Protein backbone atom coordinates (compact mmCIF):
# COMPACT_ATOMS: atom_id res chain seq x y z
CA MET A 1 98.91 60.65 102.05
CA ILE A 2 101.53 63.41 101.88
CA ALA A 3 101.62 63.98 105.65
CA LYS A 4 101.99 60.25 106.34
CA GLY A 5 104.74 59.88 103.74
CA LEU A 6 106.64 62.88 105.14
CA GLU A 7 106.39 61.58 108.70
CA GLN A 8 107.71 58.20 107.58
CA ALA A 9 110.64 60.05 105.99
CA GLY A 10 111.41 61.81 109.30
CA PHE A 11 109.56 65.10 108.86
CA GLN A 12 107.04 66.67 111.21
CA ALA A 13 104.01 67.58 109.12
CA GLU A 14 100.87 69.62 109.69
CA THR A 15 98.05 69.70 107.12
CA PHE A 16 95.47 72.35 106.24
CA THR A 17 92.45 72.35 103.94
CA SER A 18 91.87 76.11 104.29
CA GLY A 19 94.12 78.66 102.65
CA ARG A 20 93.45 81.22 105.37
CA GLU A 21 94.34 78.76 108.13
CA PHE A 22 97.50 77.88 106.20
CA GLU A 23 98.48 81.57 105.94
CA ARG A 24 98.03 82.14 109.66
CA ALA A 25 100.02 79.02 110.55
CA VAL A 26 102.94 80.03 108.32
CA ALA A 27 102.99 83.52 109.85
CA ALA A 28 102.92 82.09 113.37
CA GLU A 29 105.34 79.17 112.96
CA SER A 30 107.72 80.09 110.07
CA PRO A 31 108.10 76.47 108.89
CA ASP A 32 111.12 75.21 106.98
CA LEU A 33 108.98 73.75 104.18
CA CYS A 34 105.57 74.40 102.63
CA ILE A 35 104.03 71.87 100.23
CA MET A 36 101.16 73.69 98.61
CA ASP A 37 98.32 72.67 96.33
CA LEU A 38 97.46 75.56 94.02
CA ALA A 39 93.73 74.78 94.34
CA LEU A 40 92.23 75.22 97.80
CA PRO A 41 88.52 75.58 98.58
CA ASP A 42 88.68 79.16 99.87
CA MET A 43 91.72 80.65 98.10
CA ASP A 44 93.80 80.23 94.97
CA GLY A 45 97.50 79.45 95.16
CA VAL A 46 98.59 82.74 93.58
CA ALA A 47 96.98 84.72 96.41
CA ILE A 48 98.67 82.51 99.00
CA LEU A 49 102.08 82.91 97.36
CA ASN A 50 101.58 86.66 97.31
CA GLU A 51 100.85 86.56 101.05
CA LEU A 52 103.95 84.43 101.74
CA ALA A 53 106.04 86.97 99.86
CA GLN A 54 104.60 89.81 101.92
CA GLN A 55 105.38 87.87 105.10
CA GLY A 56 108.97 87.56 103.91
CA PHE A 57 108.76 83.77 104.04
CA ARG A 58 112.22 82.27 103.46
CA GLY A 59 111.50 78.54 103.66
CA ARG A 60 111.28 76.05 100.81
CA ILE A 61 108.08 75.78 98.77
CA LEU A 62 107.02 72.77 96.71
CA LEU A 63 104.02 73.31 94.42
CA ILE A 64 101.56 70.59 93.44
CA SER A 65 98.62 70.90 91.07
CA GLY A 66 96.42 69.12 88.58
CA HIS A 67 96.98 71.93 86.05
CA SER A 68 99.32 71.69 83.08
CA GLN A 69 103.07 71.99 83.34
CA GLN A 70 102.80 75.37 81.57
CA VAL A 71 100.60 76.71 84.34
CA LEU A 72 102.92 75.31 87.01
CA ARG A 73 105.96 76.89 85.34
CA SER A 74 104.19 80.24 85.05
CA VAL A 75 103.20 80.26 88.73
CA SER A 76 106.69 79.11 89.71
CA ARG A 77 108.32 81.97 87.77
CA MET A 78 105.92 84.45 89.37
CA ALA A 79 106.81 83.11 92.83
CA GLU A 80 110.53 83.38 92.12
CA ASP A 81 109.96 87.00 91.07
CA TYR A 82 108.52 87.44 94.58
CA GLN A 83 111.89 86.14 95.93
CA LEU A 84 110.27 82.91 97.13
CA GLN A 85 112.32 79.68 97.12
CA ILE A 86 110.45 77.28 94.82
CA ILE A 87 112.15 73.88 94.88
CA GLY A 88 109.86 72.07 92.46
CA CYS A 89 106.48 71.69 90.77
CA ILE A 90 104.73 68.29 90.79
CA ARG A 91 101.63 67.39 88.81
CA LYS A 92 98.84 65.33 90.34
CA PRO A 93 98.49 62.40 90.61
CA PHE A 94 101.94 61.63 91.99
CA THR A 95 103.84 59.28 94.27
CA MET A 96 106.03 60.24 97.22
CA LYS A 97 109.28 59.53 95.35
CA PRO A 98 109.46 62.74 93.23
CA LEU A 99 108.39 64.76 96.25
CA LEU A 100 111.11 63.30 98.48
CA ASP A 101 113.65 63.58 95.64
CA ALA A 102 112.89 67.32 95.40
CA LEU A 103 113.42 67.76 99.12
CA LYS A 104 116.70 65.83 99.01
CA ALA A 105 117.94 67.92 96.08
CA HIS A 106 117.17 71.17 97.91
CA PRO A 107 118.23 70.83 101.56
CA SER A 108 117.13 73.43 104.08
CA ARG A 109 118.90 76.79 103.90
CA ILE A 110 116.86 78.53 106.61
CA PHE A 111 118.88 81.11 108.51
CA VAL A 112 118.33 80.71 112.25
CA PRO A 113 120.14 83.45 114.17
CA ALA A 114 121.25 83.09 117.75
CA PRO A 115 119.56 85.51 120.17
CA ARG A 116 122.96 87.05 120.95
CA ASP A 117 123.51 87.81 117.25
CA ILE A 118 120.21 89.68 117.11
CA VAL A 119 121.12 91.75 120.17
CA ASP A 120 124.48 92.53 118.56
CA ALA A 121 122.61 93.60 115.39
CA ILE A 122 120.50 96.00 117.47
CA ARG A 123 123.58 97.51 119.11
CA ASN A 124 125.41 97.75 115.77
CA GLU A 125 122.38 99.49 114.21
CA GLN A 126 121.82 96.78 111.62
CA ILE A 127 118.13 96.86 112.50
CA ILE A 128 116.38 99.26 110.13
CA VAL A 129 113.21 101.08 111.17
CA ARG A 130 110.81 101.99 108.38
CA TYR A 131 107.33 103.53 108.49
CA GLN A 132 104.27 102.24 106.66
CA PRO A 133 101.69 104.95 105.96
CA ILE A 134 98.19 104.80 107.45
CA VAL A 135 95.64 106.75 105.42
CA ASP A 136 92.18 108.09 106.14
CA LEU A 137 89.15 106.85 104.26
CA PRO A 138 87.84 107.69 101.77
CA ASP A 139 90.40 110.43 100.94
CA HIS A 140 93.52 108.21 101.14
CA GLN A 141 95.53 111.02 102.78
CA ALA A 142 98.38 109.78 104.99
CA VAL A 143 97.67 110.71 108.63
CA ALA A 144 99.92 108.31 110.57
CA ALA A 145 102.53 105.59 110.11
CA GLU A 146 103.54 102.38 111.85
CA ALA A 147 107.18 101.68 112.74
CA LEU A 148 108.30 98.31 111.33
CA VAL A 149 111.71 96.64 111.53
CA ARG A 150 114.00 94.77 109.15
CA TRP A 151 117.48 93.36 109.74
CA GLN A 152 120.13 94.38 107.22
CA HIS A 153 122.29 91.31 107.74
CA PRO A 154 125.85 91.52 106.36
CA THR A 155 125.65 88.13 104.61
CA GLU A 156 121.96 87.14 104.52
CA GLY A 157 120.66 90.43 103.13
CA LEU A 158 117.50 92.18 104.28
CA LEU A 159 115.63 89.90 106.69
CA PRO A 160 111.94 90.32 107.62
CA PRO A 161 110.93 90.35 111.30
CA SER A 162 109.59 86.79 111.07
CA CYS A 163 113.22 85.62 110.80
CA PHE A 164 114.36 87.02 114.13
CA LEU A 165 111.65 88.44 116.42
CA GLY A 166 110.61 85.02 117.71
CA ARG A 167 114.22 84.26 118.70
CA LEU A 168 114.47 87.10 121.24
CA ASP A 169 114.02 86.53 124.97
CA HIS A 170 112.50 89.15 127.27
CA ALA A 171 115.74 91.09 127.68
CA GLY A 172 116.33 91.10 123.93
CA MET A 173 112.78 92.23 123.19
CA ASN A 174 113.22 95.00 125.78
CA GLU A 175 116.32 96.19 123.96
CA LEU A 176 114.68 96.03 120.52
CA THR A 177 111.59 97.92 121.72
CA ALA A 178 113.76 100.63 123.27
CA TYR A 179 115.74 100.88 120.01
CA VAL A 180 112.57 101.32 117.93
CA LEU A 181 111.11 103.76 120.46
CA ARG A 182 114.24 105.93 120.22
CA ASN A 183 113.86 105.97 116.43
CA VAL A 184 110.18 106.92 116.76
CA PHE A 185 110.98 109.84 119.08
CA GLN A 186 113.79 111.04 116.84
CA SER A 187 111.67 110.75 113.67
CA ARG A 188 108.71 112.53 115.23
CA SER A 189 110.94 115.31 116.53
CA LEU A 190 112.53 115.82 113.09
CA LEU A 191 109.14 115.80 111.36
CA LYS A 192 107.69 118.32 113.81
CA ARG A 193 110.64 120.68 113.26
CA SER A 194 109.79 120.51 109.53
CA GLY A 195 106.20 121.49 110.27
CA ILE A 196 104.84 117.98 109.78
CA ASP A 197 102.55 116.64 112.48
CA VAL A 198 101.98 112.92 111.89
CA ALA A 199 101.24 110.23 114.46
CA LEU A 200 103.74 107.37 114.68
CA SER A 201 102.84 103.99 116.15
CA VAL A 202 105.13 101.46 117.81
CA ASN A 203 104.39 97.84 118.73
CA VAL A 204 105.11 97.07 122.39
CA PRO A 205 104.77 93.47 123.65
CA THR A 206 102.79 93.35 126.90
CA PRO A 207 105.66 91.90 129.00
CA VAL A 208 107.86 94.78 127.83
CA LEU A 209 105.13 97.32 128.49
CA LEU A 210 104.83 96.15 132.09
CA ASP A 211 108.59 96.17 132.69
CA PRO A 212 109.81 99.23 134.69
CA LEU A 213 112.70 99.56 132.21
CA PHE A 214 110.21 100.53 129.50
CA PHE A 215 108.76 103.39 131.52
CA ALA A 216 112.25 104.57 132.44
CA GLU A 217 113.22 104.66 128.75
CA VAL A 218 110.04 106.58 127.87
CA GLY A 219 110.88 109.14 130.57
CA ARG A 220 114.45 109.56 129.31
CA LEU A 221 113.26 110.09 125.74
CA MET A 222 110.65 112.65 126.80
CA ASP A 223 113.35 114.60 128.66
CA ARG A 224 115.88 114.33 125.83
CA HIS A 225 113.48 115.52 123.14
CA GLN A 226 111.54 117.90 125.37
CA MET A 227 108.23 116.45 124.21
CA GLY A 228 105.33 114.45 125.58
CA LEU A 229 103.73 111.37 124.07
CA GLU A 230 101.27 113.31 121.93
CA GLY A 231 101.32 111.84 118.43
CA ILE A 232 102.73 108.48 119.58
CA ILE A 233 100.50 105.41 119.41
CA ILE A 234 101.27 102.37 121.55
CA GLU A 235 100.11 99.21 119.77
CA ILE A 236 99.48 96.05 121.78
CA THR A 237 98.53 92.78 120.12
CA GLU A 238 95.14 91.35 121.06
CA SER A 239 96.53 87.83 121.52
CA ASP A 240 99.25 89.26 123.78
CA MET A 241 96.84 90.81 126.30
CA MET A 242 96.98 89.65 129.92
CA PRO A 243 94.34 87.42 131.49
CA ASP A 244 93.83 90.10 134.19
CA PRO A 245 93.68 93.48 132.47
CA ALA A 246 93.81 95.56 135.67
CA MET A 247 97.59 96.06 135.65
CA LEU A 248 97.62 96.56 131.88
CA ALA A 249 94.88 99.19 132.22
CA ARG A 250 96.92 101.08 134.86
CA VAL A 251 100.05 101.15 132.70
CA LEU A 252 98.21 102.18 129.55
CA SER A 253 96.28 104.86 131.43
CA ALA A 254 99.55 106.32 132.71
CA LEU A 255 100.86 106.50 129.14
CA CYS A 256 97.63 108.13 127.97
CA LEU A 257 97.95 110.78 130.68
CA LYS A 258 101.31 111.67 129.12
CA GLY A 259 99.59 112.10 125.73
CA ALA A 260 99.90 108.66 124.10
CA ARG A 261 97.13 106.88 122.23
CA VAL A 262 96.52 103.13 122.44
CA ALA A 263 95.66 100.72 119.62
CA ILE A 264 94.79 97.02 119.69
CA ASP A 265 96.71 95.35 116.86
CA ASP A 266 95.60 92.22 114.91
CA PHE A 267 92.07 92.55 116.30
CA GLY A 268 89.95 89.47 115.68
CA THR A 269 92.73 86.90 116.09
CA GLY A 270 92.88 86.83 119.91
CA LEU A 271 90.53 85.87 122.67
CA SER A 272 89.76 89.21 124.34
CA SER A 273 86.23 89.69 125.62
CA LEU A 274 84.24 92.85 125.09
CA SER A 275 84.35 93.65 128.80
CA ARG A 276 88.15 93.46 128.83
CA LEU A 277 88.35 95.67 125.76
CA GLN A 278 86.04 98.22 127.34
CA ARG A 279 88.16 98.41 130.53
CA LEU A 280 91.29 99.45 128.63
CA PRO A 281 91.90 103.05 127.44
CA VAL A 282 91.84 102.02 123.77
CA ASP A 283 91.56 104.69 121.07
CA GLU A 284 91.52 102.43 118.02
CA VAL A 285 91.41 98.82 116.89
CA LYS A 286 93.29 97.45 113.90
CA ILE A 287 91.42 94.68 112.10
CA ASP A 288 93.76 91.82 111.22
CA LYS A 289 94.64 91.52 107.54
CA SER A 290 93.42 87.90 107.41
CA PHE A 291 89.87 89.28 107.53
CA ILE A 292 90.51 92.31 105.33
CA ARG A 293 92.17 90.52 102.42
CA HIS A 294 89.07 88.52 101.47
CA CYS A 295 86.28 90.75 102.70
CA VAL A 296 85.25 91.65 99.14
CA THR A 297 84.86 88.04 98.00
CA HIS A 298 83.97 86.20 101.23
CA SER A 299 80.71 87.16 102.90
CA GLU A 300 81.82 85.74 106.26
CA ASP A 301 84.88 87.99 106.38
CA ARG A 302 82.81 90.98 105.31
CA LYS A 303 80.35 90.34 108.16
CA ILE A 304 83.21 90.14 110.67
CA VAL A 305 84.72 93.40 109.41
CA GLU A 306 81.34 95.11 109.48
CA ALA A 307 80.68 93.88 113.03
CA VAL A 308 84.08 95.03 114.32
CA ILE A 309 83.59 98.50 112.82
CA ALA A 310 80.14 98.79 114.40
CA LEU A 311 81.45 97.57 117.78
CA ALA A 312 84.44 99.92 117.79
CA HIS A 313 82.33 102.94 116.85
CA ALA A 314 79.79 102.06 119.55
CA LEU A 315 82.70 102.18 122.04
CA ASN A 316 83.96 105.50 120.56
CA MET A 317 87.01 103.88 119.02
CA ARG A 318 88.43 104.42 115.55
CA VAL A 319 89.12 101.53 113.18
CA VAL A 320 92.19 100.79 111.05
CA ALA A 321 92.03 98.06 108.39
CA GLU A 322 95.36 96.27 107.91
CA GLY A 323 96.59 94.59 104.74
CA VAL A 324 94.58 96.61 102.20
CA GLU A 325 95.90 95.73 98.75
CA THR A 326 93.16 96.55 96.22
CA ASP A 327 90.97 99.50 95.28
CA ALA A 328 87.90 97.28 95.66
CA THR A 329 88.81 96.51 99.26
CA ALA A 330 89.40 100.19 100.04
CA ALA A 331 86.06 101.12 98.48
CA LEU A 332 84.20 98.49 100.51
CA LEU A 333 85.87 99.60 103.73
CA SER A 334 84.83 103.20 103.03
CA GLU A 335 81.29 102.00 102.42
CA LEU A 336 81.32 100.13 105.75
CA GLY A 337 82.48 103.25 107.60
CA CYS A 338 86.08 102.22 108.37
CA ASP A 339 88.14 105.23 109.46
CA TYR A 340 91.66 104.39 108.30
CA ALA A 341 93.51 101.85 106.17
CA GLN A 342 97.04 100.49 105.92
CA GLY A 343 98.59 98.23 103.31
CA PHE A 344 100.62 97.95 100.13
CA LEU A 345 97.87 99.76 98.17
CA PHE A 346 98.89 102.96 99.97
CA GLY A 347 102.60 102.33 100.37
CA ARG A 348 105.29 100.01 101.61
CA PRO A 349 107.40 100.81 104.68
CA ILE A 350 109.57 103.87 103.90
CA SER A 351 112.13 106.12 105.55
CA PRO A 352 111.05 109.13 107.66
CA ALA A 353 112.27 111.44 104.88
CA SER A 354 110.07 109.67 102.31
CA LEU A 355 107.17 109.73 104.75
CA ALA A 356 107.55 113.49 105.07
CA GLY A 357 106.82 113.81 101.34
CA LEU A 358 103.38 112.19 101.84
CA ILE A 359 102.19 114.50 104.63
CA PRO A 360 100.95 118.06 103.98
CA HIS A 361 102.92 120.70 105.93
């Protein structure tokens, strides 16, 4: 009923009955509006709102529920504390009129930057690089960190990557990757001079990885800092892997010969076959957070996590669990033999100086 009413009012609408599918769609598409029932078969609305906050979702959110107005107000206040834009709370049953009235009263305020503005932000150093700790299990000692970006916009405030990464073309993504890589080299060099040896990982889209400009930049940075690629992890996303892995294998092997390690990011969300995975010089796989977040309460997710850990270890690869937020999840991952974990339980993205305080000298 809602989808049909929205389409008649001029909106494009997509519906989901699974909270996990909804989460993945929001992360992938960054919609302008989410209309969300607080009761879904596989997840509760509070958990979904928490995930949207962690994604940095900046669209409008309209809540609907059969619960009391007190419950709706409480959840709405919690969501606003997460810096989410709640435009209304509607009790079931309802008609389309209050829903459409809420949308009319709160027009879209989504910030959509032009690609040129993002490139200018890179060149003006408005892009901030922070490092999220990766810890070993079960000791929870920080052993590595992943470089993540935010945009400190002069008028829009601190923007998450979901607001701008998808707007970049190949040349822009080349420039952003080079910018982050320079920060990684500089941070690793400073940490090593302080007696801190910690691996730093950087996400490199496959088209950028295969571009000769990327290799040229790597060579310049190695010369400038008089260091190899030891302690630098190149992360490629599973869904971003090429249909023919031969060229990708050659490029990654060349990086490994210079000392780099290779990780497959968001493992479990793409379509890579085991044979393709085995042909690449992969040191570790990172299990996507969509499987980790519910592995304690959902047996299907636990089985997937357990299977990935067993597969990776059989191929002599280490395993990183992404999106770990609770002690119960960390304990289960330790029990299943997972090697490392990353998530808000162990720390949010921080500066290199703050990271240095977590690593033993």
